[in-house]
Amino acid sequence: MPEIIFNGPAGRLEGRYSHSKIKNAPLALILHPSPEHGGTMNNKINYTLFQNFVSRGFSVLRFNFRGVGRSQGIFDRGEGELSDAASALDWMQDINQNAPYVWVAGFEFGAWIGMQLLMRRPEVKGFISVAPPANIYDFSFLAPCPTSGLILHGERDDVVPAESVDVFVEKLHQQKGITVDYRTVDGANHFFHDHTDVLSDHVHDHLNKAGGGRETPVRITKAA
């Protein structure tokens, strides 16, 4: 997967991009956890999500937010990072002008940014949010949430308490016109150590049902 550099609002942004061999393939944007805690585009969960979408025939981009790796700028506590994500999506769309739709996937801080992005970009068909930090960040902007998606949480997550995600998801369930697929992975901690294969299965199972790219066999039969 080639390294790419593209222009962002605060300077150049560093990314990794995989271009699909399928004509007019859909797009996927992968967003990493908080730079304040060492989050980068090479985070294991981010890399797993990236490969999930590549295997389904998407053109996929993951990148470093401002101030991370070779990306210019400094951490902006969310506002600037949302602009970075919008610029990353613009870059992908410029070279994939016939792409039919977009998925956004993010882990922790990246999940928060991703769900803000889908509020602003109607071409986003679905989302995957892993360990959305509902105990740290305000998700009330999802009123209403414009599209359906998957929320994954580790049963042993001691960074984002399950109760905060439960309350967040319950609010989304009250909205009409969307479906939130909420799944808890037994035994998984915040970083899904030794459970990334199960995470992948849930991602593929959801995308199979949502019509996201090529169908992929999975080993699970239902949500946990």
Protein backbone atom coordinates (compact mmCIF):
# COMPACT_ATOMS: atom_id res chain seq x y z
CA MET A 1 0.00 0.00 0.00
CA PRO A 2 1.64 3.26 -1.07
CA GLU A 3 2.42 6.08 1.32
CA ILE A 4 0.66 9.26 0.29
CA ILE A 5 0.90 12.90 1.35
CA PHE A 6 -2.04 15.22 0.79
CA ASN A 7 -2.90 18.76 1.79
CA GLY A 8 -4.90 19.37 4.94
CA PRO A 9 -6.15 22.56 6.61
CA ALA A 10 -3.05 22.77 8.85
CA GLY A 11 -0.47 21.50 6.35
CA ARG A 12 0.48 18.20 4.81
CA LEU A 13 -1.10 14.98 6.08
CA GLU A 14 0.49 11.54 5.90
CA GLY A 15 -1.54 8.50 4.91
CA ARG A 16 -1.61 4.98 3.51
CA TYR A 17 -3.95 4.30 0.61
CA SER A 18 -5.06 1.11 -1.12
CA HIS A 19 -6.74 1.58 -4.49
CA SER A 20 -9.26 -1.09 -5.42
CA LYS A 21 -8.88 -3.07 -8.64
CA ILE A 22 -12.67 -2.96 -8.98
CA LYS A 23 -14.00 -0.22 -11.26
CA ASN A 24 -15.99 2.47 -9.42
CA ALA A 25 -15.36 0.82 -6.05
CA PRO A 26 -16.83 2.25 -2.85
CA LEU A 27 -14.61 4.19 -0.45
CA ALA A 28 -13.69 3.67 3.19
CA LEU A 29 -11.98 6.14 5.52
CA ILE A 30 -10.31 4.82 8.71
CA LEU A 31 -9.75 7.17 11.68
CA HIS A 32 -7.30 6.53 14.52
CA PRO A 33 -7.55 6.95 18.31
CA SER A 34 -6.49 9.99 20.29
CA PRO A 35 -3.03 11.41 19.58
CA GLU A 36 -2.93 12.42 23.25
CA HIS A 37 -2.58 8.73 24.11
CA GLY A 38 -0.26 7.72 21.30
CA GLY A 39 -2.89 7.01 18.66
CA THR A 40 -1.67 6.75 15.06
CA MET A 41 -2.91 5.39 11.75
CA ASN A 42 -0.86 2.24 12.46
CA ASN A 43 -2.86 1.36 15.55
CA LYS A 44 -3.67 -2.37 15.42
CA ILE A 45 -7.44 -1.90 15.33
CA ASN A 46 -7.13 0.76 12.63
CA TYR A 47 -4.93 -1.53 10.55
CA THR A 48 -7.43 -4.37 11.02
CA LEU A 49 -10.34 -2.18 9.88
CA PHE A 50 -8.26 -1.03 6.91
CA GLN A 51 -7.60 -4.60 5.83
CA ASN A 52 -11.27 -5.55 6.36
CA PHE A 53 -12.37 -2.97 3.82
CA VAL A 54 -9.51 -3.72 1.39
CA SER A 55 -10.56 -7.38 1.34
CA ARG A 56 -14.10 -6.36 0.42
CA GLY A 57 -12.97 -4.42 -2.66
CA PHE A 58 -13.10 -0.88 -1.27
CA SER A 59 -10.56 1.82 -1.99
CA VAL A 60 -9.35 2.60 1.53
CA LEU A 61 -7.44 5.41 3.22
CA ARG A 62 -6.05 5.66 6.71
CA PHE A 63 -4.03 8.71 7.73
CA ASN A 64 -2.40 10.49 10.64
CA PHE A 65 -4.26 13.42 12.14
CA ARG A 66 -2.39 16.73 12.41
CA GLY A 67 0.72 16.58 14.57
CA VAL A 68 1.02 12.78 14.35
CA GLY A 69 3.87 11.06 12.50
CA ARG A 70 4.75 13.12 9.44
CA SER A 71 1.48 15.07 9.46
CA GLN A 72 1.95 18.78 10.05
CA GLY A 73 0.14 20.89 12.63
CA ILE A 74 -0.68 20.37 16.32
CA PHE A 75 -3.44 18.49 18.12
CA ASP A 76 -6.68 20.49 18.12
CA ARG A 77 -8.90 18.44 20.48
CA GLY A 78 -11.31 17.41 17.73
CA GLU A 79 -12.26 20.48 15.71
CA GLY A 80 -9.15 20.48 13.54
CA GLU A 81 -9.12 16.69 13.31
CA LEU A 82 -12.66 16.77 11.90
CA SER A 83 -11.38 19.14 9.20
CA ASP A 84 -8.49 16.73 8.57
CA ALA A 85 -10.96 13.88 8.07
CA ALA A 86 -13.02 15.96 5.65
CA SER A 87 -9.86 16.78 3.67
CA ALA A 88 -8.94 13.08 3.58
CA LEU A 89 -12.36 12.21 2.20
CA ASP A 90 -12.05 15.02 -0.36
CA TRP A 91 -8.69 13.61 -1.48
CA MET A 92 -10.15 10.14 -2.00
CA GLN A 93 -13.19 11.45 -3.83
CA ASP A 94 -11.04 13.56 -6.17
CA ILE A 95 -9.37 10.40 -7.51
CA ASN A 96 -12.51 8.23 -7.29
CA GLN A 97 -15.15 10.53 -8.71
CA ASN A 98 -17.54 7.69 -9.60
CA ALA A 99 -17.43 5.96 -6.23
CA PRO A 100 -21.03 5.03 -5.32
CA TYR A 101 -20.79 5.52 -1.54
CA VAL A 102 -18.51 5.90 1.48
CA TRP A 103 -18.10 4.10 4.80
CA VAL A 104 -16.35 5.67 7.78
CA ALA A 105 -14.74 3.56 10.48
CA GLY A 106 -12.95 4.70 13.61
CA PHE A 107 -11.60 3.53 16.93
CA GLU A 108 -12.20 5.50 20.13
CA PHE A 109 -11.40 9.20 19.36
CA GLY A 110 -11.57 8.24 15.68
CA ALA A 111 -15.10 6.91 16.21
CA TRP A 112 -16.13 10.30 17.64
CA ILE A 113 -14.60 12.15 14.68
CA GLY A 114 -16.13 9.70 12.21
CA MET A 115 -19.63 10.14 13.53
CA GLN A 116 -19.26 13.92 13.32
CA LEU A 117 -18.09 13.54 9.72
CA LEU A 118 -21.13 11.51 8.69
CA MET A 119 -23.35 14.32 9.98
CA ARG A 120 -21.74 16.62 7.42
CA ARG A 121 -21.31 14.32 4.44
CA PRO A 122 -24.49 12.77 2.98
CA GLU A 123 -22.46 10.43 0.77
CA VAL A 124 -21.52 8.41 3.89
CA LYS A 125 -23.66 5.28 3.70
CA GLY A 126 -22.61 3.64 6.96
CA PHE A 127 -20.27 3.72 9.92
CA ILE A 128 -18.29 1.39 12.15
CA SER A 129 -17.50 2.77 15.59
CA VAL A 130 -15.20 0.73 17.82
CA ALA A 131 -15.24 1.65 21.52
CA PRO A 132 -16.88 5.08 21.01
CA PRO A 133 -15.77 7.14 24.05
CA ALA A 134 -19.22 8.21 25.18
CA ASN A 135 -17.84 8.79 28.71
CA ILE A 136 -15.34 11.38 27.44
CA TYR A 137 -16.86 13.15 24.44
CA ASP A 138 -20.29 14.58 23.70
CA PHE A 139 -22.23 12.61 21.07
CA SER A 140 -25.41 14.70 21.32
CA PHE A 141 -24.76 16.10 17.82
CA LEU A 142 -26.29 12.85 16.52
CA ALA A 143 -29.77 14.31 16.61
CA PRO A 144 -30.80 12.65 14.48
CA CYS A 145 -28.12 10.22 13.29
CA PRO A 146 -28.38 10.26 9.49
CA THR A 147 -27.30 6.70 8.70
CA SER A 148 -27.18 3.17 10.09
CA GLY A 149 -24.03 1.47 11.32
CA LEU A 150 -22.18 -0.85 13.69
CA ILE A 151 -21.01 -0.09 17.23
CA LEU A 152 -18.53 -2.56 18.74
CA HIS A 153 -17.48 -2.60 22.38
CA GLY A 154 -15.26 -4.87 24.43
CA GLU A 155 -16.98 -6.58 27.34
CA ARG A 156 -13.90 -5.96 29.53
CA ASP A 157 -13.25 -2.40 28.37
CA ASP A 158 -11.97 -0.50 31.43
CA VAL A 159 -11.36 2.76 29.52
CA VAL A 160 -14.86 3.30 28.13
CA PRO A 161 -17.40 1.87 30.59
CA ALA A 162 -20.13 -0.24 29.00
CA GLU A 163 -22.80 1.82 30.78
CA SER A 164 -21.84 4.98 28.90
CA VAL A 165 -22.04 3.21 25.54
CA ASP A 166 -25.34 1.56 26.52
CA VAL A 167 -26.91 4.97 27.22
CA PHE A 168 -25.50 6.40 23.98
CA VAL A 169 -26.84 3.50 21.91
CA GLU A 170 -30.24 3.63 23.60
CA LYS A 171 -30.60 7.24 22.48
CA LEU A 172 -29.76 6.22 18.92
CA HIS A 173 -32.27 3.35 19.07
CA GLN A 174 -35.02 5.89 19.75
CA GLN A 175 -34.46 7.51 16.36
CA LYS A 176 -36.56 6.47 13.40
CA GLY A 177 -35.23 5.50 10.00
CA ILE A 178 -31.87 4.04 11.06
CA THR A 179 -30.64 0.77 12.53
CA VAL A 180 -27.80 0.68 15.05
CA ASP A 181 -26.17 -2.75 15.24
CA TYR A 182 -24.69 -2.78 18.76
CA ARG A 183 -22.42 -5.72 19.59
CA THR A 184 -20.35 -6.55 22.67
CA VAL A 185 -17.34 -8.82 22.25
CA ASP A 186 -16.99 -11.25 25.16
CA GLY A 187 -13.63 -11.10 26.93
CA ALA A 188 -12.29 -8.19 24.88
CA ASN A 189 -10.60 -5.23 26.54
CA HIS A 190 -10.46 -1.68 25.19
CA PHE A 191 -7.79 -2.59 22.65
CA PHE A 192 -9.32 -5.97 21.71
CA HIS A 193 -6.09 -7.78 22.59
CA ASP A 194 -6.33 -11.37 21.28
CA HIS A 195 -9.79 -10.54 19.90
CA THR A 196 -9.06 -8.69 16.65
CA ASP A 197 -10.10 -11.77 14.67
CA VAL A 198 -13.49 -11.69 16.38
CA LEU A 199 -13.70 -7.95 15.74
CA SER A 200 -13.06 -8.63 12.03
CA ASP A 201 -15.78 -11.27 11.93
CA HIS A 202 -18.31 -8.84 13.39
CA VAL A 203 -17.29 -6.13 10.94
CA HIS A 204 -17.67 -8.50 7.98
CA ASP A 205 -20.96 -9.89 9.29
CA HIS A 206 -22.40 -6.38 9.58
CA LEU A 207 -21.12 -5.34 6.15
CA ASN A 208 -22.52 -8.52 4.59
CA LYS A 209 -25.96 -7.58 5.91
CA ALA A 210 -25.60 -3.90 5.02
CA GLY A 211 -24.41 -4.52 1.46
CA GLY A 212 -20.95 -3.04 1.95
CA GLY A 213 -18.65 -4.29 -0.80
CA ARG A 214 -17.93 -7.95 -1.56
CA GLU A 215 -19.57 -10.48 0.74
CA THR A 216 -17.10 -12.23 3.04
CA PRO A 217 -17.60 -15.50 4.97
CA VAL A 218 -17.58 -15.15 8.77
CA ARG A 219 -17.43 -17.58 11.67
CA ILE A 220 -20.11 -15.95 13.79
CA THR A 221 -23.85 -16.40 13.31
CA LYS A 222 -25.25 -13.62 15.48
CA ALA A 223 -24.29 -10.55 17.42
CA ALA A 224 -23.03 -11.07 20.95
